[in-house]
Each structure stands twice: as C-alpha cells, then as structure tokens.
Amino acid sequence: MEKQFSKYVSEALQKTGNTAEILVQFLEMRLDNVVYRLGFGKTRGQAKQMVSHGFIMVNGVSVDVPSYRVRPGDVITIKESKQKTILMETVKNNASRGETPLWLSKDLATFSGKVTSLPEGADLKQVFDPTLIVEYYSR
C-alpha cells in the first residue's frame, strides 16, 4: 500500500547510510518475503497468504501480519499442525530445489529457517532502481 511504503521510505531516510539499500533491506526483512525467500511459498502471494492464515511462527509465537519485520536471530517455523497438509509436501519438494540467500538458513526436516544476518551486497540487487524511488518520495 502507498501509505505503508511511504512509511518505509521515511524511516529509511532517517537512518544513516545508503537510503536506497536501507529501503530494500526493510522490504527484504518483511515476514512474507522471508517466507518466500526460504522457499516455503511458491510465490510472494502464496507466502503472504500463508502468514495471514496462521501457518507461520516467529520465535515460537504465531504471527499473522505479513508486514512484520523480522530481525537477525529470529527463527521462522511452520506450525506443526500445518506441516501435515498436502501443501507442505509440495513446499518441501519445491524448497529443496531453490537457492536460499546467504542471510538466511533453512532446515526442511523441521520446516524452519533462521535469519542469520541483514541482507547485504548481492542479496539486495533488484530489477528496479531503488534510488529513483527514494528520490520520488523525498520531495
């Protein structure tokens, strides 16, 4: 949403450093994106729906807000009651094929992943130019 995105930009502008990189870092650290990056969702939409429908736990606590910002050290798991669904079997097959970013680690046996660090460098490369977004919102 526009208002939420505007908030991300203003928060990135207040931090010291490269504002465009900080903005992309904020977006990468959203729970729905982390679920997608771990391979638990085939698409970002599916990952967002999994979070909204209560499939995901962060540090043992159920979280159903897709925009929840995870931090380094957080452990993301799929609830045990949801692990036995047919969806999770396809998730397990698809997640084993995908490549996990360096700032995340995953364990498919337990349907869990951990945020090991903040995304940096090549992990922040996007198909769009985030500096143009920062310029637009900083007016």
N, C-alpha and C. Protein backbone atom coordinates (compact mmCIF):
# COMPACT_ATOMS: atom_id res chain seq x y z
N MET A 1 0.84 -1.18 0.00
CA MET A 1 0.00 0.00 0.00
C MET A 1 0.89 1.24 0.00
N GLU A 2 0.36 2.28 -0.58
CA GLU A 2 1.11 3.53 -0.72
C GLU A 2 1.53 4.12 0.62
N LYS A 3 0.62 4.17 1.57
CA LYS A 3 0.92 4.76 2.87
C LYS A 3 2.00 3.96 3.61
N GLN A 4 1.89 2.65 3.55
CA GLN A 4 2.86 1.79 4.21
C GLN A 4 4.24 1.93 3.56
N PHE A 5 4.26 1.99 2.23
CA PHE A 5 5.52 2.13 1.51
C PHE A 5 6.15 3.48 1.81
N SER A 6 5.33 4.51 1.88
CA SER A 6 5.82 5.85 2.22
C SER A 6 6.46 5.84 3.60
N LYS A 7 5.89 5.09 4.51
CA LYS A 7 6.45 4.98 5.86
C LYS A 7 7.82 4.31 5.82
N TYR A 8 7.97 3.26 5.01
CA TYR A 8 9.26 2.60 4.86
C TYR A 8 10.32 3.59 4.34
N VAL A 9 9.94 4.39 3.35
CA VAL A 9 10.88 5.35 2.77
C VAL A 9 11.28 6.40 3.80
N SER A 10 10.32 6.95 4.53
CA SER A 10 10.66 7.97 5.52
C SER A 10 11.53 7.40 6.64
N GLU A 11 11.29 6.16 7.01
CA GLU A 11 12.11 5.51 8.03
C GLU A 11 13.54 5.28 7.50
N ALA A 12 13.65 4.91 6.22
CA ALA A 12 14.97 4.71 5.61
C ALA A 12 15.72 6.03 5.49
N LEU A 13 15.01 7.11 5.23
CA LEU A 13 15.64 8.42 5.12
C LEU A 13 16.23 8.88 6.45
N GLN A 14 15.67 8.43 7.56
CA GLN A 14 16.15 8.84 8.88
C GLN A 14 17.42 8.09 9.29
N LYS A 15 17.67 6.95 8.68
CA LYS A 15 18.86 6.15 9.01
C LYS A 15 20.08 6.72 8.28
N THR A 16 21.26 6.51 8.86
CA THR A 16 22.48 6.93 8.19
C THR A 16 22.94 5.82 7.25
N GLY A 17 23.48 6.19 6.12
CA GLY A 17 23.93 5.22 5.14
C GLY A 17 23.20 5.40 3.83
N ASN A 18 23.35 4.45 2.95
CA ASN A 18 22.71 4.48 1.64
C ASN A 18 21.21 4.22 1.81
N THR A 19 20.42 5.25 1.59
CA THR A 19 18.97 5.16 1.82
C THR A 19 18.33 4.11 0.93
N ALA A 20 18.76 4.00 -0.31
CA ALA A 20 18.17 3.02 -1.23
C ALA A 20 18.43 1.60 -0.73
N GLU A 21 19.64 1.32 -0.26
CA GLU A 21 19.95 -0.01 0.27
C GLU A 21 19.16 -0.31 1.53
N ILE A 22 19.04 0.69 2.39
CA ILE A 22 18.28 0.51 3.63
C ILE A 22 16.82 0.22 3.32
N LEU A 23 16.26 0.92 2.33
CA LEU A 23 14.87 0.68 1.93
C LEU A 23 14.68 -0.76 1.44
N VAL A 24 15.56 -1.22 0.59
CA VAL A 24 15.45 -2.59 0.08
C VAL A 24 15.65 -3.59 1.22
N GLN A 25 16.52 -3.26 2.16
CA GLN A 25 16.72 -4.11 3.34
C GLN A 25 15.43 -4.23 4.14
N PHE A 26 14.74 -3.11 4.34
CA PHE A 26 13.46 -3.13 5.05
C PHE A 26 12.46 -4.05 4.34
N LEU A 27 12.41 -3.95 3.02
CA LEU A 27 11.46 -4.75 2.25
C LEU A 27 11.83 -6.24 2.30
N GLU A 28 13.13 -6.54 2.25
CA GLU A 28 13.58 -7.93 2.32
C GLU A 28 13.27 -8.56 3.68
N MET A 29 13.25 -7.75 4.74
CA MET A 29 13.07 -8.27 6.09
C MET A 29 11.60 -8.43 6.49
N ARG A 30 10.68 -8.16 5.57
CA ARG A 30 9.26 -8.42 5.85
C ARG A 30 9.06 -9.93 5.97
N LEU A 31 8.17 -10.34 6.88
CA LEU A 31 7.94 -11.76 7.13
C LEU A 31 7.47 -12.49 5.88
N ASP A 32 6.55 -11.90 5.12
CA ASP A 32 6.06 -12.59 3.92
C ASP A 32 7.18 -12.80 2.91
N ASN A 33 8.10 -11.85 2.79
CA ASN A 33 9.21 -12.01 1.88
C ASN A 33 10.20 -13.06 2.38
N VAL A 34 10.44 -13.12 3.68
CA VAL A 34 11.35 -14.12 4.24
C VAL A 34 10.77 -15.52 4.03
N VAL A 35 9.47 -15.67 4.22
CA VAL A 35 8.82 -16.97 3.97
C VAL A 35 9.01 -17.37 2.50
N TYR A 36 8.88 -16.40 1.60
CA TYR A 36 9.09 -16.66 0.17
C TYR A 36 10.55 -17.02 -0.10
N ARG A 37 11.48 -16.25 0.44
CA ARG A 37 12.91 -16.48 0.21
C ARG A 37 13.37 -17.83 0.77
N LEU A 38 12.74 -18.29 1.85
CA LEU A 38 13.07 -19.61 2.40
C LEU A 38 12.52 -20.74 1.53
N GLY A 39 11.63 -20.40 0.60
CA GLY A 39 11.06 -21.41 -0.28
C GLY A 39 9.80 -22.05 0.27
N PHE A 40 9.25 -21.50 1.36
CA PHE A 40 8.03 -22.06 1.93
C PHE A 40 6.80 -21.68 1.11
N GLY A 41 6.90 -20.64 0.32
CA GLY A 41 5.82 -20.24 -0.57
C GLY A 41 6.34 -20.20 -1.99
N LYS A 42 5.55 -20.71 -2.95
CA LYS A 42 5.98 -20.70 -4.36
C LYS A 42 6.08 -19.28 -4.89
N THR A 43 5.15 -18.44 -4.46
CA THR A 43 5.10 -17.05 -4.89
C THR A 43 5.02 -16.16 -3.66
N ARG A 44 5.25 -14.87 -3.87
CA ARG A 44 5.11 -13.94 -2.75
C ARG A 44 3.67 -13.89 -2.28
N GLY A 45 2.74 -14.01 -3.20
CA GLY A 45 1.32 -14.03 -2.84
C GLY A 45 0.97 -15.21 -1.96
N GLN A 46 1.50 -16.37 -2.31
CA GLN A 46 1.25 -17.56 -1.50
C GLN A 46 1.90 -17.42 -0.13
N ALA A 47 3.09 -16.86 -0.08
CA ALA A 47 3.78 -16.65 1.20
C ALA A 47 2.98 -15.69 2.08
N LYS A 48 2.46 -14.63 1.47
CA LYS A 48 1.64 -13.66 2.22
C LYS A 48 0.39 -14.32 2.77
N GLN A 49 -0.22 -15.17 1.96
CA GLN A 49 -1.43 -15.87 2.39
C GLN A 49 -1.12 -16.86 3.51
N MET A 50 0.01 -17.53 3.43
CA MET A 50 0.40 -18.47 4.49
C MET A 50 0.56 -17.73 5.82
N VAL A 51 1.16 -16.55 5.78
CA VAL A 51 1.33 -15.76 7.00
C VAL A 51 -0.05 -15.32 7.51
N SER A 52 -0.87 -14.79 6.63
CA SER A 52 -2.20 -14.29 7.01
C SER A 52 -3.10 -15.38 7.58
N HIS A 53 -2.95 -16.60 7.10
CA HIS A 53 -3.80 -17.71 7.54
C HIS A 53 -3.24 -18.46 8.74
N GLY A 54 -2.18 -17.93 9.34
CA GLY A 54 -1.69 -18.50 10.59
C GLY A 54 -0.80 -19.72 10.46
N PHE A 55 -0.12 -19.89 9.33
CA PHE A 55 0.78 -21.03 9.16
C PHE A 55 2.13 -20.79 9.82
N ILE A 56 2.50 -19.55 10.08
CA ILE A 56 3.86 -19.17 10.42
C ILE A 56 4.02 -18.76 11.88
N MET A 57 5.14 -19.19 12.46
CA MET A 57 5.51 -18.77 13.81
C MET A 57 6.89 -18.14 13.76
N VAL A 58 7.07 -17.08 14.55
CA VAL A 58 8.38 -16.43 14.67
C VAL A 58 8.80 -16.56 16.13
N ASN A 59 9.92 -17.21 16.35
CA ASN A 59 10.44 -17.46 17.71
C ASN A 59 9.40 -18.13 18.60
N GLY A 60 8.63 -19.05 18.01
CA GLY A 60 7.64 -19.82 18.78
C GLY A 60 6.32 -19.13 18.99
N VAL A 61 6.14 -17.92 18.44
CA VAL A 61 4.90 -17.17 18.61
C VAL A 61 4.22 -17.03 17.24
N SER A 62 2.94 -17.33 17.20
CA SER A 62 2.20 -17.22 15.95
C SER A 62 2.11 -15.76 15.50
N VAL A 63 2.45 -15.52 14.23
CA VAL A 63 2.39 -14.18 13.67
C VAL A 63 1.58 -14.25 12.38
N ASP A 64 0.55 -13.41 12.27
CA ASP A 64 -0.29 -13.42 11.07
C ASP A 64 -0.29 -12.07 10.36
N VAL A 65 0.76 -11.29 10.56
CA VAL A 65 0.90 -9.98 9.91
C VAL A 65 2.02 -10.08 8.87
N PRO A 66 1.68 -10.04 7.57
CA PRO A 66 2.71 -10.20 6.54
C PRO A 66 3.80 -9.13 6.58
N SER A 67 3.48 -7.94 7.05
CA SER A 67 4.47 -6.87 7.07
C SER A 67 5.35 -6.88 8.32
N TYR A 68 5.18 -7.87 9.19
CA TYR A 68 6.00 -7.99 10.39
C TYR A 68 7.47 -8.02 9.98
N ARG A 69 8.27 -7.19 10.62
CA ARG A 69 9.69 -7.12 10.26
C ARG A 69 10.51 -8.05 11.16
N VAL A 70 11.15 -9.02 10.52
CA VAL A 70 11.99 -9.95 11.26
C VAL A 70 13.36 -9.32 11.49
N ARG A 71 14.09 -9.86 12.45
CA ARG A 71 15.42 -9.35 12.80
C ARG A 71 16.40 -10.51 12.77
N PRO A 72 17.68 -10.19 12.66
CA PRO A 72 18.68 -11.27 12.73
C PRO A 72 18.54 -12.05 14.03
N GLY A 73 18.58 -13.37 13.90
CA GLY A 73 18.42 -14.25 15.06
C GLY A 73 17.02 -14.83 15.17
N ASP A 74 16.04 -14.25 14.47
CA ASP A 74 14.67 -14.77 14.52
C ASP A 74 14.59 -16.12 13.81
N VAL A 75 13.80 -17.02 14.40
CA VAL A 75 13.58 -18.34 13.83
C VAL A 75 12.15 -18.40 13.32
N ILE A 76 12.00 -18.71 12.04
CA ILE A 76 10.69 -18.78 11.39
C ILE A 76 10.36 -20.25 11.18
N THR A 77 9.21 -20.69 11.68
CA THR A 77 8.80 -22.08 11.51
C THR A 77 7.36 -22.14 11.02
N ILE A 78 7.04 -23.27 10.43
CA ILE A 78 5.66 -23.53 10.06
C ILE A 78 5.05 -24.33 11.20
N LYS A 79 3.86 -23.95 11.63
CA LYS A 79 3.21 -24.63 12.75
C LYS A 79 3.13 -26.12 12.50
N GLU A 80 3.31 -26.89 13.56
CA GLU A 80 3.28 -28.35 13.45
C GLU A 80 1.95 -28.85 12.89
N SER A 81 0.85 -28.23 13.32
CA SER A 81 -0.46 -28.66 12.84
C SER A 81 -0.63 -28.43 11.34
N LYS A 82 0.11 -27.48 10.78
CA LYS A 82 0.02 -27.18 9.35
C LYS A 82 1.03 -27.96 8.52
N GLN A 83 2.01 -28.58 9.18
CA GLN A 83 3.06 -29.30 8.46
C GLN A 83 2.57 -30.57 7.79
N LYS A 84 1.44 -31.08 8.22
CA LYS A 84 0.95 -32.35 7.70
C LYS A 84 -0.01 -32.19 6.52
N THR A 85 -0.15 -30.98 6.01
CA THR A 85 -1.06 -30.74 4.89
C THR A 85 -0.39 -31.11 3.57
N ILE A 86 -1.19 -31.30 2.55
CA ILE A 86 -0.68 -31.62 1.22
C ILE A 86 0.16 -30.46 0.69
N LEU A 87 -0.23 -29.25 1.02
CA LEU A 87 0.53 -28.07 0.60
C LEU A 87 1.97 -28.15 1.06
N MET A 88 2.19 -28.62 2.27
CA MET A 88 3.54 -28.67 2.82
C MET A 88 4.42 -29.69 2.11
N GLU A 89 3.82 -30.75 1.59
CA GLU A 89 4.60 -31.72 0.82
C GLU A 89 5.14 -31.08 -0.46
N THR A 90 4.30 -30.32 -1.14
CA THR A 90 4.77 -29.63 -2.34
C THR A 90 5.77 -28.54 -1.98
N VAL A 91 5.56 -27.87 -0.84
CA VAL A 91 6.50 -26.86 -0.38
C VAL A 91 7.87 -27.50 -0.14
N LYS A 92 7.87 -28.65 0.49
CA LYS A 92 9.13 -29.34 0.79
C LYS A 92 9.87 -29.70 -0.50
N ASN A 93 9.14 -30.17 -1.49
CA ASN A 93 9.76 -30.53 -2.77
C ASN A 93 10.31 -29.30 -3.48
N ASN A 94 9.53 -28.22 -3.50
CA ASN A 94 9.96 -27.00 -4.19
C ASN A 94 11.10 -26.30 -3.45
N ALA A 95 11.04 -26.28 -2.13
CA ALA A 95 12.05 -25.57 -1.34
C ALA A 95 13.41 -26.24 -1.44
N SER A 96 13.42 -27.54 -1.64
CA SER A 96 14.71 -28.24 -1.74
C SER A 96 15.43 -27.89 -3.03
N ARG A 97 14.70 -27.45 -4.04
CA ARG A 97 15.30 -27.09 -5.32
C ARG A 97 15.84 -25.67 -5.34
N GLY A 98 15.18 -24.78 -4.59
CA GLY A 98 15.55 -23.37 -4.63
C GLY A 98 16.81 -23.05 -3.85
N GLU A 99 17.41 -21.92 -4.20
CA GLU A 99 18.62 -21.47 -3.53
C GLU A 99 18.24 -20.47 -2.44
N THR A 100 18.78 -20.66 -1.25
CA THR A 100 18.49 -19.78 -0.13
C THR A 100 19.52 -18.66 -0.09
N PRO A 101 19.08 -17.41 0.10
CA PRO A 101 20.05 -16.31 0.21
C PRO A 101 21.01 -16.54 1.38
N LEU A 102 22.17 -15.90 1.31
CA LEU A 102 23.21 -16.09 2.32
C LEU A 102 22.80 -15.60 3.70
N TRP A 103 21.87 -14.68 3.78
CA TRP A 103 21.47 -14.12 5.07
C TRP A 103 20.40 -14.96 5.76
N LEU A 104 20.02 -16.07 5.14
CA LEU A 104 19.03 -16.99 5.71
C LEU A 104 19.60 -18.40 5.74
N SER A 105 19.13 -19.20 6.69
CA SER A 105 19.45 -20.63 6.69
C SER A 105 18.13 -21.37 6.88
N LYS A 106 18.01 -22.56 6.28
CA LYS A 106 16.75 -23.30 6.42
C LYS A 106 17.02 -24.76 6.71
N ASP A 107 16.02 -25.37 7.36
CA ASP A 107 16.06 -26.79 7.68
C ASP A 107 14.71 -27.36 7.25
N LEU A 108 14.71 -28.05 6.13
CA LEU A 108 13.45 -28.58 5.60
C LEU A 108 12.88 -29.72 6.44
N ALA A 109 13.72 -30.40 7.18
CA ALA A 109 13.24 -31.51 8.02
C ALA A 109 12.28 -30.99 9.10
N THR A 110 12.54 -29.80 9.60
CA THR A 110 11.69 -29.22 10.66
C THR A 110 10.85 -28.06 10.15
N PHE A 111 10.86 -27.80 8.84
CA PHE A 111 10.14 -26.67 8.26
C PHE A 111 10.47 -25.37 9.00
N SER A 112 11.76 -25.11 9.16
CA SER A 112 12.15 -23.89 9.86
C SER A 112 13.29 -23.20 9.12
N GLY A 113 13.45 -21.94 9.43
CA GLY A 113 14.52 -21.15 8.86
C GLY A 113 14.95 -20.11 9.88
N LYS A 114 16.14 -19.58 9.69
CA LYS A 114 16.65 -18.59 10.63
C LYS A 114 17.23 -17.42 9.85
N VAL A 115 16.98 -16.22 10.36
CA VAL A 115 17.58 -15.02 9.80
C VAL A 115 18.95 -14.89 10.46
N THR A 116 20.02 -15.15 9.72
CA THR A 116 21.36 -15.15 10.30
C THR A 116 21.99 -13.77 10.32
N SER A 117 21.61 -12.90 9.38
CA SER A 117 22.17 -11.55 9.33
C SER A 117 21.26 -10.65 8.50
N LEU A 118 21.63 -9.40 8.38
CA LEU A 118 20.90 -8.50 7.49
C LEU A 118 21.34 -8.77 6.06
N PRO A 119 20.43 -8.63 5.10
CA PRO A 119 20.84 -8.82 3.70
C PRO A 119 21.77 -7.68 3.28
N GLU A 120 22.81 -8.02 2.55
CA GLU A 120 23.79 -7.03 2.11
C GLU A 120 24.28 -7.36 0.71
N GLY A 121 24.85 -6.38 0.05
CA GLY A 121 25.52 -6.58 -1.23
C GLY A 121 24.64 -7.19 -2.30
N ALA A 122 25.05 -8.35 -2.79
CA ALA A 122 24.34 -9.01 -3.90
C ALA A 122 22.92 -9.42 -3.52
N ASP A 123 22.67 -9.63 -2.23
CA ASP A 123 21.33 -10.02 -1.78
C ASP A 123 20.32 -8.88 -1.95
N LEU A 124 20.81 -7.67 -2.11
CA LEU A 124 19.93 -6.51 -2.24
C LEU A 124 19.71 -6.09 -3.69
N LYS A 125 20.31 -6.79 -4.64
CA LYS A 125 20.15 -6.44 -6.05
C LYS A 125 18.71 -6.70 -6.49
N GLN A 126 18.14 -5.72 -7.16
CA GLN A 126 16.76 -5.81 -7.62
C GLN A 126 16.68 -5.49 -9.10
N VAL A 127 15.55 -5.79 -9.72
CA VAL A 127 15.35 -5.48 -11.13
C VAL A 127 14.97 -4.01 -11.32
N PHE A 128 14.71 -3.32 -10.24
CA PHE A 128 14.37 -1.90 -10.31
C PHE A 128 15.47 -1.09 -9.64
N ASP A 129 15.45 0.22 -9.84
CA ASP A 129 16.45 1.10 -9.24
C ASP A 129 15.85 1.78 -8.01
N PRO A 130 16.22 1.34 -6.81
CA PRO A 130 15.62 1.90 -5.60
C PRO A 130 15.96 3.38 -5.37
N THR A 131 17.03 3.87 -5.98
CA THR A 131 17.37 5.29 -5.80
C THR A 131 16.30 6.18 -6.43
N LEU A 132 15.69 5.74 -7.51
CA LEU A 132 14.61 6.52 -8.13
C LEU A 132 13.40 6.62 -7.20
N ILE A 133 13.13 5.55 -6.48
CA ILE A 133 12.01 5.55 -5.53
C ILE A 133 12.29 6.51 -4.39
N VAL A 134 13.53 6.48 -3.87
CA VAL A 134 13.90 7.38 -2.78
C VAL A 134 13.81 8.82 -3.24
N GLU A 135 14.27 9.11 -4.47
CA GLU A 135 14.18 10.47 -5.00
C GLU A 135 12.73 10.92 -5.10
N TYR A 136 11.87 10.05 -5.56
CA TYR A 136 10.46 10.41 -5.70
C TYR A 136 9.82 10.74 -4.35
N TYR A 137 10.07 9.91 -3.36
CA TYR A 137 9.44 10.09 -2.05
C TYR A 137 10.10 11.16 -1.19
N SER A 138 11.31 11.57 -1.52
CA SER A 138 12.00 12.56 -0.69
C SER A 138 11.62 14.00 -1.08
N ARG A 139 10.75 14.17 -2.06
CA ARG A 139 10.33 15.52 -2.44
C ARG A 139 9.39 16.09 -1.43
